[in-house]
PDB file of all heavy atoms in Angstrom:
ATOM      1  N   LEU A   1    -152.022  95.831-127.257  1.00  0.00           N
ATOM      2  CA  LEU A   1    -151.182  97.022-127.283  1.00  0.00           C
ATOM      3  C   LEU A   1    -149.883  96.767-128.042  1.00  0.00           C
ATOM      4  O   LEU A   1    -149.346  95.657-128.013  1.00  0.00           O
ATOM      5  CB  LEU A   1    -150.850  97.479-125.863  1.00  0.00           C
ATOM      6  CG  LEU A   1    -152.006  97.930-124.967  1.00  0.00           C
ATOM      7  CD1 LEU A   1    -151.475  98.321-123.587  1.00  0.00           C
ATOM      8  CD2 LEU A   1    -152.764  99.102-125.599  1.00  0.00           C
ATOM      9  N   ASP A   2    -149.382  97.814-128.698  1.00  0.00           N
ATOM     10  CA  ASP A   2    -148.077  97.777-129.365  1.00  0.00           C
ATOM     11  C   ASP A   2    -147.120  98.541-128.454  1.00  0.00           C
ATOM     12  O   ASP A   2    -147.104  99.770-128.449  1.00  0.00           O
ATOM     13  CB  ASP A   2    -148.192  98.450-130.738  1.00  0.00           C
ATOM     14  CG  ASP A   2    -146.860  98.511-131.484  1.00  0.00           C
ATOM     15  OD1 ASP A   2    -145.927  97.789-131.089  1.00  0.00           O
ATOM     16  OD2 ASP A   2    -146.755  99.303-132.441  1.00  0.00           O
ATOM     17  N   VAL A   3    -146.336  97.809-127.663  1.00  0.00           N
ATOM     18  CA  VAL A   3    -145.532  98.414-126.596  1.00  0.00           C
ATOM     19  C   VAL A   3    -144.067  98.525-127.003  1.00  0.00           C
ATOM     20  O   VAL A   3    -143.456  97.555-127.463  1.00  0.00           O
ATOM     21  CB  VAL A   3    -145.645  97.584-125.294  1.00  0.00           C
ATOM     22  CG1 VAL A   3    -144.811  98.212-124.186  1.00  0.00           C
ATOM     23  CG2 VAL A   3    -147.112  97.478-124.859  1.00  0.00           C
ATOM     24  N   HIS A   4    -143.502  99.705-126.797  1.00  0.00           N
ATOM     25  CA  HIS A   4    -142.094  99.967-127.119  1.00  0.00           C
ATOM     26  C   HIS A   4    -141.361 100.382-125.849  1.00  0.00           C
ATOM     27  O   HIS A   4    -141.731 101.379-125.209  1.00  0.00           O
ATOM     28  CB  HIS A   4    -141.988 101.058-128.186  1.00  0.00           C
ATOM     29  CG  HIS A   4    -142.529 100.634-129.504  1.00  0.00           C
ATOM     30  ND1 HIS A   4    -141.720 100.244-130.549  1.00  0.00           N
ATOM     31  CD2 HIS A   4    -143.819 100.499-129.935  1.00  0.00           C
ATOM     32  CE1 HIS A   4    -142.484  99.895-131.569  1.00  0.00           C
ATOM     33  NE2 HIS A   4    -143.754 100.044-131.237  1.00  0.00           N
ATOM     34  N   LEU A   5    -140.355  99.612-125.471  1.00  0.00           N
ATOM     35  CA  LEU A   5    -139.589  99.872-124.257  1.00  0.00           C
ATOM     36  C   LEU A   5    -138.330 100.647-124.601  1.00  0.00           C
ATOM     37  O   LEU A   5    -137.509 100.183-125.399  1.00  0.00           O
ATOM     38  CB  LEU A   5    -139.201  98.546-123.589  1.00  0.00           C
ATOM     39  CG  LEU A   5    -140.311  97.506-123.388  1.00  0.00           C
ATOM     40  CD1 LEU A   5    -139.742  96.269-122.696  1.00  0.00           C
ATOM     41  CD2 LEU A   5    -141.474  98.082-122.587  1.00  0.00           C
ATOM     42  N   VAL A   6    -138.176 101.829-124.017  1.00  0.00           N
ATOM     43  CA  VAL A   6    -136.995 102.664-124.258  1.00  0.00           C
ATOM     44  C   VAL A   6    -136.156 102.691-122.989  1.00  0.00           C
ATOM     45  O   VAL A   6    -136.624 103.110-121.930  1.00  0.00           O
ATOM     46  CB  VAL A   6    -137.399 104.096-124.655  1.00  0.00           C
ATOM     47  CG1 VAL A   6    -136.174 104.997-124.744  1.00  0.00           C
ATOM     48  CG2 VAL A   6    -138.152 104.083-125.983  1.00  0.00           C
ATOM     49  N   GLU A   7    -134.914 102.223-123.108  1.00  0.00           N
ATOM     50  CA  GLU A   7    -134.031 102.104-121.948  1.00  0.00           C
ATOM     51  C   GLU A   7    -132.596 102.332-122.417  1.00  0.00           C
ATOM     52  O   GLU A   7    -132.133 101.689-123.362  1.00  0.00           O
ATOM     53  CB  GLU A   7    -134.174 100.714-121.323  1.00  0.00           C
ATOM     54  CG  GLU A   7    -133.129 100.339-120.295  1.00  0.00           C
ATOM     55  CD  GLU A   7    -133.054 101.314-119.130  1.00  0.00           C
ATOM     56  OE1 GLU A   7    -134.126 101.665-118.576  1.00  0.00           O
ATOM     57  OE2 GLU A   7    -131.929 101.736-118.783  1.00  0.00           O
ATOM     58  N   PRO A   8    -131.840 103.247-121.766  1.00  0.00           N
ATOM     59  CA  PRO A   8    -130.496 103.566-122.239  1.00  0.00           C
ATOM     60  C   PRO A   8    -129.400 102.572-121.888  1.00  0.00           C
ATOM     61  O   PRO A   8    -128.380 102.515-122.572  1.00  0.00           O
ATOM     62  CB  PRO A   8    -130.215 104.927-121.590  1.00  0.00           C
ATOM     63  CG  PRO A   8    -131.037 104.921-120.345  1.00  0.00           C
ATOM     64  CD  PRO A   8    -132.286 104.171-120.714  1.00  0.00           C
ATOM     65  N   MET A   9    -129.563 101.773-120.827  1.00  0.00           N
ATOM     66  CA  MET A   9    -128.481 100.922-120.354  1.00  0.00           C
ATOM     67  C   MET A   9    -128.457  99.560-121.060  1.00  0.00           C
ATOM     68  O   MET A   9    -129.482  98.863-121.107  1.00  0.00           O
ATOM     69  CB  MET A   9    -128.578 100.723-118.839  1.00  0.00           C
ATOM     70  CG  MET A   9    -128.398 102.009-118.040  1.00  0.00           C
ATOM     71  SD  MET A   9    -128.393 101.733-116.260  1.00  0.00           S
ATOM     72  CE  MET A   9    -126.896 100.763-116.078  1.00  0.00           C
ATOM     73  N   GLN A  10    -127.297  99.187-121.589  1.00  0.00           N
ATOM     74  CA  GLN A  10    -127.145  97.950-122.355  1.00  0.00           C
ATOM     75  C   GLN A  10    -127.553  96.711-121.557  1.00  0.00           C
ATOM     76  O   GLN A  10    -128.293  95.856-122.055  1.00  0.00           O
ATOM     77  CB  GLN A  10    -125.692  97.798-122.812  1.00  0.00           C
ATOM     78  CG  GLN A  10    -125.411  96.534-123.616  1.00  0.00           C
ATOM     79  CD  GLN A  10    -125.947  96.595-125.030  1.00  0.00           C
ATOM     80  OE1 GLN A  10    -125.590  97.494-125.778  1.00  0.00           O
ATOM     81  NE2 GLN A  10    -126.798  95.656-125.392  1.00  0.00           N
ATOM     82  N   ARG A  11    -127.086  96.607-120.308  1.00  0.00           N
ATOM     83  CA  ARG A  11    -127.391  95.395-119.536  1.00  0.00           C
ATOM     84  C   ARG A  11    -128.898  95.267-119.280  1.00  0.00           C
ATOM     85  O   ARG A  11    -129.428  94.164-119.195  1.00  0.00           O
ATOM     86  CB  ARG A  11    -126.617  95.360-118.217  1.00  0.00           C
ATOM     87  CG  ARG A  11    -126.944  96.457-117.220  1.00  0.00           C
ATOM     88  CD  ARG A  11    -126.090  96.360-115.963  1.00  0.00           C
ATOM     89  NE  ARG A  11    -126.318  97.439-115.028  1.00  0.00           N
ATOM     90  CZ  ARG A  11    -127.317  97.476-114.147  1.00  0.00           C
ATOM     91  NH1 ARG A  11    -128.172  96.458-114.102  1.00  0.00           N
ATOM     92  NH2 ARG A  11    -127.466  98.495-113.329  1.00  0.00           N
ATOM     93  N   ARG A  12    -129.563  96.421-119.170  1.00  0.00           N
ATOM     94  CA  ARG A  12    -131.012  96.383-118.952  1.00  0.00           C
ATOM     95  C   ARG A  12    -131.753  96.004-120.229  1.00  0.00           C
ATOM     96  O   ARG A  12    -132.719  95.236-120.188  1.00  0.00           O
ATOM     97  CB  ARG A  12    -131.505  97.726-118.431  1.00  0.00           C
ATOM     98  CG  ARG A  12    -131.038  98.011-117.003  1.00  0.00           C
ATOM     99  CD  ARG A  12    -131.550  99.353-116.513  1.00  0.00           C
ATOM    100  NE  ARG A  12    -131.131  99.597-115.135  1.00  0.00           N
ATOM    101  CZ  ARG A  12    -131.402 100.722-114.471  1.00  0.00           C
ATOM    102  NH1 ARG A  12    -132.075 101.701-115.063  1.00  0.00           N
ATOM    103  NH2 ARG A  12    -130.990 100.863-113.233  1.00  0.00           N
ATOM    104  N   THR A  13    -131.316  96.547-121.373  1.00  0.00           N
ATOM    105  CA  THR A  13    -131.992  96.184-122.617  1.00  0.00           C
ATOM    106  C   THR A  13    -131.734  94.722-122.974  1.00  0.00           C
ATOM    107  O   THR A  13    -132.614  94.056-123.528  1.00  0.00           O
ATOM    108  CB  THR A  13    -131.558  97.099-123.782  1.00  0.00           C
ATOM    109  OG1 THR A  13    -130.137  97.100-123.893  1.00  0.00           O
ATOM    110  CG2 THR A  13    -132.049  98.522-123.567  1.00  0.00           C
ATOM    111  N   ASP A  14    -130.557  94.215-122.640  1.00  0.00           N
ATOM    112  CA  ASP A  14    -130.283  92.790-122.855  1.00  0.00           C
ATOM    113  C   ASP A  14    -131.242  91.942-122.015  1.00  0.00           C
ATOM    114  O   ASP A  14    -131.796  90.945-122.494  1.00  0.00           O
ATOM    115  CB  ASP A  14    -128.832  92.457-122.480  1.00  0.00           C
ATOM    116  CG  ASP A  14    -127.828  93.008-123.474  1.00  0.00           C
ATOM    117  OD1 ASP A  14    -128.235  93.414-124.581  1.00  0.00           O
ATOM    118  OD2 ASP A  14    -126.620  93.049-123.142  1.00  0.00           O
ATOM    119  N   TRP A  15    -131.401  92.350-120.754  1.00  0.00           N
ATOM    120  CA  TRP A  15    -132.313  91.628-119.869  1.00  0.00           C
ATOM    121  C   TRP A  15    -133.749  91.722-120.374  1.00  0.00           C
ATOM    122  O   TRP A  15    -134.487  90.735-120.379  1.00  0.00           O
ATOM    123  CB  TRP A  15    -132.209  92.190-118.445  1.00  0.00           C
ATOM    124  CG  TRP A  15    -133.089  91.492-117.450  1.00  0.00           C
ATOM    125  CD1 TRP A  15    -132.775  90.401-116.694  1.00  0.00           C
ATOM    126  CD2 TRP A  15    -134.438  91.831-117.106  1.00  0.00           C
ATOM    127  NE1 TRP A  15    -133.841  90.035-115.901  1.00  0.00           N
ATOM    128  CE2 TRP A  15    -134.881  90.897-116.139  1.00  0.00           C
ATOM    129  CE3 TRP A  15    -135.318  92.828-117.519  1.00  0.00           C
ATOM    130  CZ2 TRP A  15    -136.151  90.940-115.578  1.00  0.00           C
ATOM    131  CZ3 TRP A  15    -136.603  92.873-116.966  1.00  0.00           C
ATOM    132  CH2 TRP A  15    -137.010  91.934-116.009  1.00  0.00           C
ATOM    133  N   LEU A  16    -134.145  92.900-120.797  1.00  0.00           N
ATOM    134  CA  LEU A  16    -135.505  93.089-121.312  1.00  0.00           C
ATOM    135  C   LEU A  16    -135.753  92.214-122.537  1.00  0.00           C
ATOM    136  O   LEU A  16    -136.801  91.574-122.650  1.00  0.00           O
ATOM    137  CB  LEU A  16    -135.741  94.562-121.663  1.00  0.00           C
ATOM    138  CG  LEU A  16    -135.943  95.521-120.490  1.00  0.00           C
ATOM    139  CD1 LEU A  16    -135.876  96.965-120.974  1.00  0.00           C
ATOM    140  CD2 LEU A  16    -137.275  95.253-119.795  1.00  0.00           C
ATOM    141  N   SER A  17    -134.793  92.178-123.448  1.00  0.00           N
ATOM    142  CA  SER A  17    -134.948  91.371-124.661  1.00  0.00           C
ATOM    143  C   SER A  17    -135.083  89.891-124.321  1.00  0.00           C
ATOM    144  O   SER A  17    -135.918  89.174-124.894  1.00  0.00           O
ATOM    145  CB  SER A  17    -133.760  91.587-125.596  1.00  0.00           C
ATOM    146  OG  SER A  17    -133.708  92.923-126.060  1.00  0.00           O
ATOM    147  N   THR A  18    -134.268  89.432-123.373  1.00  0.00           N
ATOM    148  CA  THR A  18    -134.336  88.032-122.947  1.00  0.00           C
ATOM    149  C   THR A  18    -135.672  87.731-122.287  1.00  0.00           C
ATOM    150  O   THR A  18    -136.284  86.678-122.528  1.00  0.00           O
ATOM    151  CB  THR A  18    -133.188  87.715-121.965  1.00  0.00           C
ATOM    152  OG1 THR A  18    -131.933  87.931-122.607  1.00  0.00           O
ATOM    153  CG2 THR A  18    -133.265  86.274-121.480  1.00  0.00           C
ATOM    154  N   THR A  19    -136.138  88.650-121.458  1.00  0.00           N
ATOM    155  CA  THR A  19    -137.408  88.465-120.751  1.00  0.00           C
ATOM    156  C   THR A  19    -138.582  88.451-121.718  1.00  0.00           C
ATOM    157  O   THR A  19    -139.483  87.606-121.614  1.00  0.00           O
ATOM    158  CB  THR A  19    -137.607  89.578-119.704  1.00  0.00           C
ATOM    159  OG1 THR A  19    -136.544  89.506-118.749  1.00  0.00           O
ATOM    160  CG2 THR A  19    -138.942  89.434-118.988  1.00  0.00           C
ATOM    161  N   VAL A  20    -138.582  89.366-122.663  1.00  0.00           N
ATOM    162  CA  VAL A  20    -139.658  89.424-123.665  1.00  0.00           C
ATOM    163  C   VAL A  20    -139.694  88.130-124.465  1.00  0.00           C
ATOM    164  O   VAL A  20    -140.773  87.587-124.754  1.00  0.00           O
ATOM    165  CB  VAL A  20    -139.454  90.643-124.595  1.00  0.00           C
ATOM    166  CG1 VAL A  20    -140.355  90.551-125.822  1.00  0.00           C
ATOM    167  CG2 VAL A  20    -139.727  91.937-123.831  1.00  0.00           C
ATOM    168  N   ALA A  21    -138.524  87.595-124.821  1.00  0.00           N
ATOM    169  CA  ALA A  21    -138.457  86.333-125.562  1.00  0.00           C
ATOM    170  C   ALA A  21    -138.956  85.170-124.714  1.00  0.00           C
ATOM    171  O   ALA A  21    -139.701  84.305-125.193  1.00  0.00           O
ATOM    172  CB  ALA A  21    -137.024  86.071-126.022  1.00  0.00           C
ATOM    173  N   ASP A  22    -138.565  85.153-123.429  1.00  0.00           N
ATOM    174  CA  ASP A  22    -138.983  84.093-122.508  1.00  0.00           C
ATOM    175  C   ASP A  22    -140.502  84.078-122.360  1.00  0.00           C
ATOM    176  O   ASP A  22    -141.131  83.008-122.350  1.00  0.00           O
ATOM    177  CB  ASP A  22    -138.326  84.312-121.145  1.00  0.00           C
ATOM    178  CG  ASP A  22    -138.509  83.144-120.190  1.00  0.00           C
ATOM    179  OD1 ASP A  22    -139.631  82.605-120.117  1.00  0.00           O
ATOM    180  OD2 ASP A  22    -137.542  82.766-119.502  1.00  0.00           O
ATOM    181  N   LEU A  23    -141.106  85.276-122.278  1.00  0.00           N
ATOM    182  CA  LEU A  23    -142.554  85.386-122.099  1.00  0.00           C
ATOM    183  C   LEU A  23    -143.316  85.264-123.420  1.00  0.00           C
ATOM    184  O   LEU A  23    -144.548  85.246-123.423  1.00  0.00           O
ATOM    185  CB  LEU A  23    -142.895  86.720-121.432  1.00  0.00           C
ATOM    186  CG  LEU A  23    -142.304  86.963-120.043  1.00  0.00           C
ATOM    187  CD1 LEU A  23    -142.668  88.352-119.542  1.00  0.00           C
ATOM    188  CD2 LEU A  23    -142.782  85.903-119.049  1.00  0.00           C
ATOM    189  N   GLU A  24    -142.571  85.212-124.531  1.00  0.00           N
ATOM    190  CA  GLU A  24    -143.151  85.106-125.873  1.00  0.00           C
ATOM    191  C   GLU A  24    -144.136  86.241-126.148  1.00  0.00           C
ATOM    192  O   GLU A  24    -145.254  86.028-126.644  1.00  0.00           O
ATOM    193  CB  GLU A  24    -143.828  83.749-126.064  1.00  0.00           C
ATOM    194  CG  GLU A  24    -142.857  82.583-125.940  1.00  0.00           C
ATOM    195  CD  GLU A  24    -143.518  81.237-126.188  1.00  0.00           C
ATOM    196  OE1 GLU A  24    -144.768  81.181-126.296  1.00  0.00           O
ATOM    197  OE2 GLU A  24    -142.792  80.223-126.281  1.00  0.00           O
ATOM    198  N   LEU A  25    -143.700  87.457-125.854  1.00  0.00           N
ATOM    199  CA  LEU A  25    -144.537  88.640-126.066  1.00  0.00           C
ATOM    200  C   LEU A  25    -144.262  89.214-127.454  1.00  0.00           C
ATOM    201  O   LEU A  25    -143.271  89.898-127.680  1.00  0.00           O
ATOM    202  CB  LEU A  25    -144.245  89.692-124.993  1.00  0.00           C
ATOM    203  CG  LEU A  25    -144.574  89.287-123.554  1.00  0.00           C
ATOM    204  CD1 LEU A  25    -144.123  90.377-122.587  1.00  0.00           C
ATOM    205  CD2 LEU A  25    -146.070  89.012-123.398  1.00  0.00           C
ATOM    206  N   ALA A  26    -145.164  88.943-128.367  1.00  0.00           N
ATOM    207  CA  ALA A  26    -144.996  89.408-129.745  1.00  0.00           C
ATOM    208  C   ALA A  26    -145.325  90.887-129.911  1.00  0.00           C
ATOM    209  O   ALA A  26    -145.058  91.466-130.970  1.00  0.00           O
ATOM    210  CB  ALA A  26    -145.881  88.582-130.675  1.00  0.00           C
ATOM    211  N   ASN A  27    -145.896  91.502-128.884  1.00  0.00           N
ATOM    212  CA  ASN A  27    -146.337  92.896-128.982  1.00  0.00           C
ATOM    213  C   ASN A  27    -145.373  93.872-128.310  1.00  0.00           C
ATOM    214  O   ASN A  27    -145.744  95.010-128.009  1.00  0.00           O
ATOM    215  CB  ASN A  27    -147.728  93.059-128.361  1.00  0.00           C
ATOM    216  CG  ASN A  27    -147.792  92.651-126.891  1.00  0.00           C
ATOM    217  OD1 ASN A  27    -147.059  91.769-126.460  1.00  0.00           O
ATOM    218  ND2 ASN A  27    -148.667  93.289-126.126  1.00  0.00           N
ATOM    219  N   VAL A  28    -144.112  93.445-128.096  1.00  0.00           N
ATOM    220  CA  VAL A  28    -143.132  94.303-127.418  1.00  0.00           C
ATOM    221  C   VAL A  28    -141.876  94.450-128.267  1.00  0.00           C
ATOM    222  O   VAL A  28    -141.358  93.467-128.804  1.00  0.00           O
ATOM    223  CB  VAL A  28    -142.743  93.730-126.036  1.00  0.00           C
ATOM    224  CG1 VAL A  28    -141.685  94.616-125.374  1.00  0.00           C
ATOM    225  CG2 VAL A  28    -143.969  93.624-125.136  1.00  0.00           C
ATOM    226  N   THR A  29    -141.388  95.702-128.368  1.00  0.00           N
ATOM    227  CA  THR A  29    -140.132  95.990-129.043  1.00  0.00           C
ATOM    228  C   THR A  29    -139.222  96.730-128.064  1.00  0.00           C
ATOM    229  O   THR A  29    -139.680  97.664-127.385  1.00  0.00           O
ATOM    230  CB  THR A  29    -140.343  96.869-130.292  1.00  0.00           C
ATOM    231  OG1 THR A  29    -141.295  96.235-131.154  1.00  0.00           O
ATOM    232  CG2 THR A  29    -139.027  97.069-131.038  1.00  0.00           C
ATOM    233  N   VAL A  30    -137.970  96.319-127.967  1.00  0.00           N
ATOM    234  CA  VAL A  30    -137.011  96.931-127.050  1.00  0.00           C
ATOM    235  C   VAL A  30    -136.086  97.863-127.825  1.00  0.00           C
ATOM    236  O   VAL A  30    -135.546  97.485-128.875  1.00  0.00           O
ATOM    237  CB  VAL A  30    -136.181  95.859-126.316  1.00  0.00           C
ATOM    238  CG1 VAL A  30    -135.166  96.513-125.376  1.00  0.00           C
ATOM    239  CG2 VAL A  30    -137.098  94.906-125.541  1.00  0.00           C
ATOM    240  N   HIS A  31    -135.891  99.073-127.310  1.00  0.00           N
ATOM    241  CA  HIS A  31    -135.019 100.061-127.942  1.00  0.00           C
ATOM    242  C   HIS A  31    -133.973 100.525-126.929  1.00  0.00           C
ATOM    243  O   HIS A  31    -134.342 100.926-125.818  1.00  0.00           O
ATOM    244  CB  HIS A  31    -135.810 101.286-128.403  1.00  0.00           C
ATOM    245  CG  HIS A  31    -136.974 100.979-129.296  1.00  0.00           C
ATOM    246  ND1 HIS A  31    -136.873 100.970-130.668  1.00  0.00           N
ATOM    247  CD2 HIS A  31    -138.269 100.654-128.997  1.00  0.00           C
ATOM    248  CE1 HIS A  31    -138.060 100.677-131.189  1.00  0.00           C
ATOM    249  NE2 HIS A  31    -138.921 100.483-130.198  1.00  0.00           N
ATOM    250  N   ARG A  32    -132.710 100.503-127.311  1.00  0.00           N
ATOM    251  CA  ARG A  32    -131.670 101.000-126.399  1.00  0.00           C
ATOM    252  C   ARG A  32    -131.308 102.437-126.746  1.00  0.00           C
ATOM    253  O   ARG A  32    -130.964 102.752-127.883  1.00  0.00           O
ATOM    254  CB  ARG A  32    -130.407 100.129-126.445  1.00  0.00           C
ATOM    255  CG  ARG A  32    -129.350 100.579-125.420  1.00  0.00           C
ATOM    256  CD  ARG A  32    -128.229  99.565-125.296  1.00  0.00           C
ATOM    257  NE  ARG A  32    -127.382  99.537-126.481  1.00  0.00           N
ATOM    258  CZ  ARG A  32    -126.340 100.353-126.669  1.00  0.00           C
ATOM    259  NH1 ARG A  32    -126.022 101.269-125.755  1.00  0.00           N
ATOM    260  NH2 ARG A  32    -125.609 100.249-127.771  1.00  0.00           N
ATOM    261  N   GLY A  33    -131.381 103.305-125.747  1.00  0.00           N
ATOM    262  CA  GLY A  33    -131.031 104.705-125.937  1.00  0.00           C
ATOM    263  C   GLY A  33    -131.863 105.588-125.024  1.00  0.00           C
ATOM    264  O   GLY A  33    -132.814 105.131-124.387  1.00  0.00           O
ATOM    265  N   ARG A  34    -131.490 106.856-124.959  1.00  0.00           N
ATOM    266  CA  ARG A  34    -132.247 107.828-124.172  1.00  0.00           C
ATOM    267  C   ARG A  34    -133.427 108.326-124.997  1.00  0.00           C
ATOM    268  O   ARG A  34    -133.390 108.326-126.231  1.00  0.00           O
ATOM    269  CB  ARG A  34    -131.351 108.990-123.766  1.00  0.00           C
ATOM    270  CG  ARG A  34    -130.170 108.569-122.896  1.00  0.00           C
ATOM    271  CD  ARG A  34    -129.332 109.764-122.471  1.00  0.00           C
ATOM    272  NE  ARG A  34    -128.185 109.345-121.688  1.00  0.00           N
ATOM    273  CZ  ARG A  34    -128.229 109.049-120.386  1.00  0.00           C
ATOM    274  NH1 ARG A  34    -129.374 109.141-119.733  1.00  0.00           N
ATOM    275  NH2 ARG A  34    -127.140 108.669-119.745  1.00  0.00           N
ATOM    276  N   ALA A  35    -134.446 108.784-124.297  1.00  0.00           N
ATOM    277  CA  ALA A  35    -135.655 109.241-124.978  1.00  0.00           C
ATOM    278  C   ALA A  35    -135.345 110.296-126.026  1.00  0.00           C
ATOM    279  O   ALA A  35    -135.875 110.251-127.149  1.00  0.00           O
ATOM    280  CB  ALA A  35    -136.649 109.793-123.949  1.00  0.00           C
ATOM    281  N   GLU A  36    -134.439 111.231-125.694  1.00  0.00           N
ATOM    282  CA  GLU A  36    -134.137 112.321-126.616  1.00  0.00           C
ATOM    283  C   GLU A  36    -133.473 111.838-127.905  1.00  0.00           C
ATOM    284  O   GLU A  36    -133.498 112.538-128.926  1.00  0.00           O
ATOM    285  CB  GLU A  36    -133.266 113.387-125.942  1.00  0.00           C
ATOM    286  CG  GLU A  36    -132.015 112.867-125.278  1.00  0.00           C
ATOM    287  CD  GLU A  36    -132.176 112.562-123.798  1.00  0.00           C
ATOM    288  OE1 GLU A  36    -133.259 112.055-123.411  1.00  0.00           O
ATOM    289  OE2 GLU A  36    -131.233 112.836-123.038  1.00  0.00           O
ATOM    290  N   GLU A  37    -132.868 110.645-127.865  1.00  0.00           N
ATOM    291  CA  GLU A  37    -132.236 110.094-129.063  1.00  0.00           C
ATOM    292  C   GLU A  37    -133.260 109.566-130.066  1.00  0.00           C
ATOM    293  O   GLU A  37    -132.924 109.321-131.231  1.00  0.00           O
ATOM    294  CB  GLU A  37    -131.279 108.968-128.679  1.00  0.00           C
ATOM    295  CG  GLU A  37    -130.090 109.400-127.828  1.00  0.00           C
ATOM    296  CD  GLU A  37    -129.230 108.218-127.419  1.00  0.00           C
ATOM    297  OE1 GLU A  37    -128.825 107.457-128.326  1.00  0.00           O
ATOM    298  OE2 GLU A  37    -128.983 108.040-126.210  1.00  0.00           O
ATOM    299  N   PHE A  38    -134.500 109.380-129.630  1.00  0.00           N
ATOM    300  CA  PHE A  38    -135.529 108.812-130.496  1.00  0.00           C
ATOM    301  C   PHE A  38    -136.491 109.838-131.055  1.00  0.00           C
ATOM    302  O   PHE A  38    -137.457 109.475-131.732  1.00  0.00           O
ATOM    303  CB  PHE A  38    -136.292 107.721-129.740  1.00  0.00           C
ATOM    304  CG  PHE A  38    -135.468 106.488-129.480  1.00  0.00           C
ATOM    305  CD1 PHE A  38    -134.857 106.300-128.249  1.00  0.00           C
ATOM    306  CD2 PHE A  38    -135.271 105.550-130.474  1.00  0.00           C
ATOM    307  CE1 PHE A  38    -134.070 105.187-128.007  1.00  0.00           C
ATOM    308  CE2 PHE A  38    -134.490 104.418-130.250  1.00  0.00           C
ATOM    309  CZ  PHE A  38    -133.889 104.241-129.016  1.00  0.00           C
ATOM    310  N   VAL A  39    -136.225 111.108-130.781  1.00  0.00           N
ATOM    311  CA  VAL A  39    -137.077 112.161-131.332  1.00  0.00           C
ATOM    312  C   VAL A  39    -136.963 112.152-132.855  1.00  0.00           C
ATOM    313  O   VAL A  39    -135.873 112.195-133.409  1.00  0.00           O
ATOM    314  CB  VAL A  39    -136.679 113.548-130.776  1.00  0.00           C
ATOM    315  CG1 VAL A  39    -137.522 114.641-131.425  1.00  0.00           C
ATOM    316  CG2 VAL A  39    -136.843 113.574-129.267  1.00  0.00           C
ATOM    317  N   GLY A  40    -138.096 112.045-133.524  1.00  0.00           N
ATOM    318  CA  GLY A  40    -138.101 111.960-134.977  1.00  0.00           C
ATOM    319  C   GLY A  40    -137.896 110.556-135.503  1.00  0.00           C
ATOM    320  O   GLY A  40    -137.990 110.321-136.710  1.00  0.00           O
ATOM    321  N   VAL A  41    -137.619 109.618-134.605  1.00  0.00           N
ATOM    322  CA  VAL A  41    -137.389 108.219-134.985  1.00  0.00           C
ATOM    323  C   VAL A  41    -138.517 107.323-134.484  1.00  0.00           C
ATOM    324  O   VAL A  41    -139.012 106.445-135.198  1.00  0.00           O
ATOM    325  CB  VAL A  41    -136.045 107.705-134.418  1.00  0.00           C
ATOM    326  CG1 VAL A  41    -135.837 106.237-134.759  1.00  0.00           C
ATOM    327  CG2 VAL A  41    -134.892 108.550-134.933  1.00  0.00           C
ATOM    328  N   LEU A  42    -138.946 107.561-133.257  1.00  0.00           N
ATOM    329  CA  LEU A  42    -139.987 106.764-132.619  1.00  0.00           C
ATOM    330  C   LEU A  42    -141.026 107.706-132.023  1.00  0.00           C
ATOM    331  O   LEU A  42    -140.679 108.658-131.325  1.00  0.00           O
ATOM    332  CB  LEU A  42    -139.374 105.899-131.507  1.00  0.00           C
ATOM    333  CG  LEU A  42    -140.315 104.997-130.697  1.00  0.00           C
ATOM    334  CD1 LEU A  42    -140.906 103.918-131.598  1.00  0.00           C
ATOM    335  CD2 LEU A  42    -139.567 104.358-129.522  1.00  0.00           C
ATOM    336  N   SER A  43    -142.289 107.450-132.298  1.00  0.00           N
ATOM    337  CA  SER A  43    -143.351 108.292-131.740  1.00  0.00           C
ATOM    338  C   SER A  43    -144.613 107.470-131.561  1.00  0.00           C
ATOM    339  O   SER A  43    -144.778 106.412-132.182  1.00  0.00           O
ATOM    340  CB  SER A  43    -143.630 109.501-132.642  1.00  0.00           C
ATOM    341  OG  SER A  43    -144.101 109.081-133.912  1.00  0.00           O
ATOM    342  N   ALA A  44    -145.520 107.957-130.716  1.00  0.00           N
ATOM    343  CA  ALA A  44    -146.767 107.258-130.438  1.00  0.00           C
ATOM    344  C   ALA A  44    -147.767 108.240-129.827  1.00  0.00           C
ATOM    345  O   ALA A  44    -147.376 109.276-129.274  1.00  0.00           O
ATOM    346  CB  ALA A  44    -146.532 106.090-129.478  1.00  0.00           C
ATOM    347  N   PRO A  45    -149.050 107.922-129.877  1.00  0.00           N
ATOM    348  CA  PRO A  45    -150.052 108.775-129.241  1.00  0.00           C
ATOM    349  C   PRO A  45    -150.015 108.689-127.719  1.00  0.00           C
ATOM    350  O   PRO A  45    -150.581 109.539-127.029  1.00  0.00           O
ATOM    351  CB  PRO A  45    -151.380 108.234-129.776  1.00  0.00           C
ATOM    352  CG  PRO A  45    -151.028 107.397-130.958  1.00  0.00           C
ATOM    353  CD  PRO A  45    -149.672 106.844-130.653  1.00  0.00           C
ATOM    354  N   TRP A  46    -149.346 107.642-127.204  1.00  0.00           N
ATOM    355  CA  TRP A  46    -149.318 107.406-125.769  1.00  0.00           C
ATOM    356  C   TRP A  46    -147.888 107.124-125.305  1.00  0.00           C
ATOM    357  O   TRP A  46    -147.182 106.326-125.922  1.00  0.00           O
ATOM    358  CB  TRP A  46    -150.202 106.208-125.399  1.00  0.00           C
ATOM    359  CG  TRP A  46    -151.626 106.387-125.809  1.00  0.00           C
ATOM    360  CD1 TRP A  46    -152.170 106.081-127.021  1.00  0.00           C
ATOM    361  CD2 TRP A  46    -152.678 106.951-125.025  1.00  0.00           C
ATOM    362  NE1 TRP A  46    -153.495 106.404-127.037  1.00  0.00           N
ATOM    363  CE2 TRP A  46    -153.836 106.944-125.821  1.00  0.00           C
ATOM    364  CE3 TRP A  46    -152.743 107.441-123.716  1.00  0.00           C
ATOM    365  CZ2 TRP A  46    -155.065 107.419-125.369  1.00  0.00           C
ATOM    366  CZ3 TRP A  46    -153.961 107.923-123.252  1.00  0.00           C
ATOM    367  CH2 TRP A  46    -155.097 107.910-124.069  1.00  0.00           C
TER     368      TRP A  46
END
């Protein structure tokens, strides 16, 4: 799976980025912001 994590809070996205790196998950991308901020920028079938 190509997984994209959308989370508005900085401390949470920092934690997510660190966790993804620790787990060596190459299939995860972390995005900071609210869902509505990514309309037209990020999209997926799921």
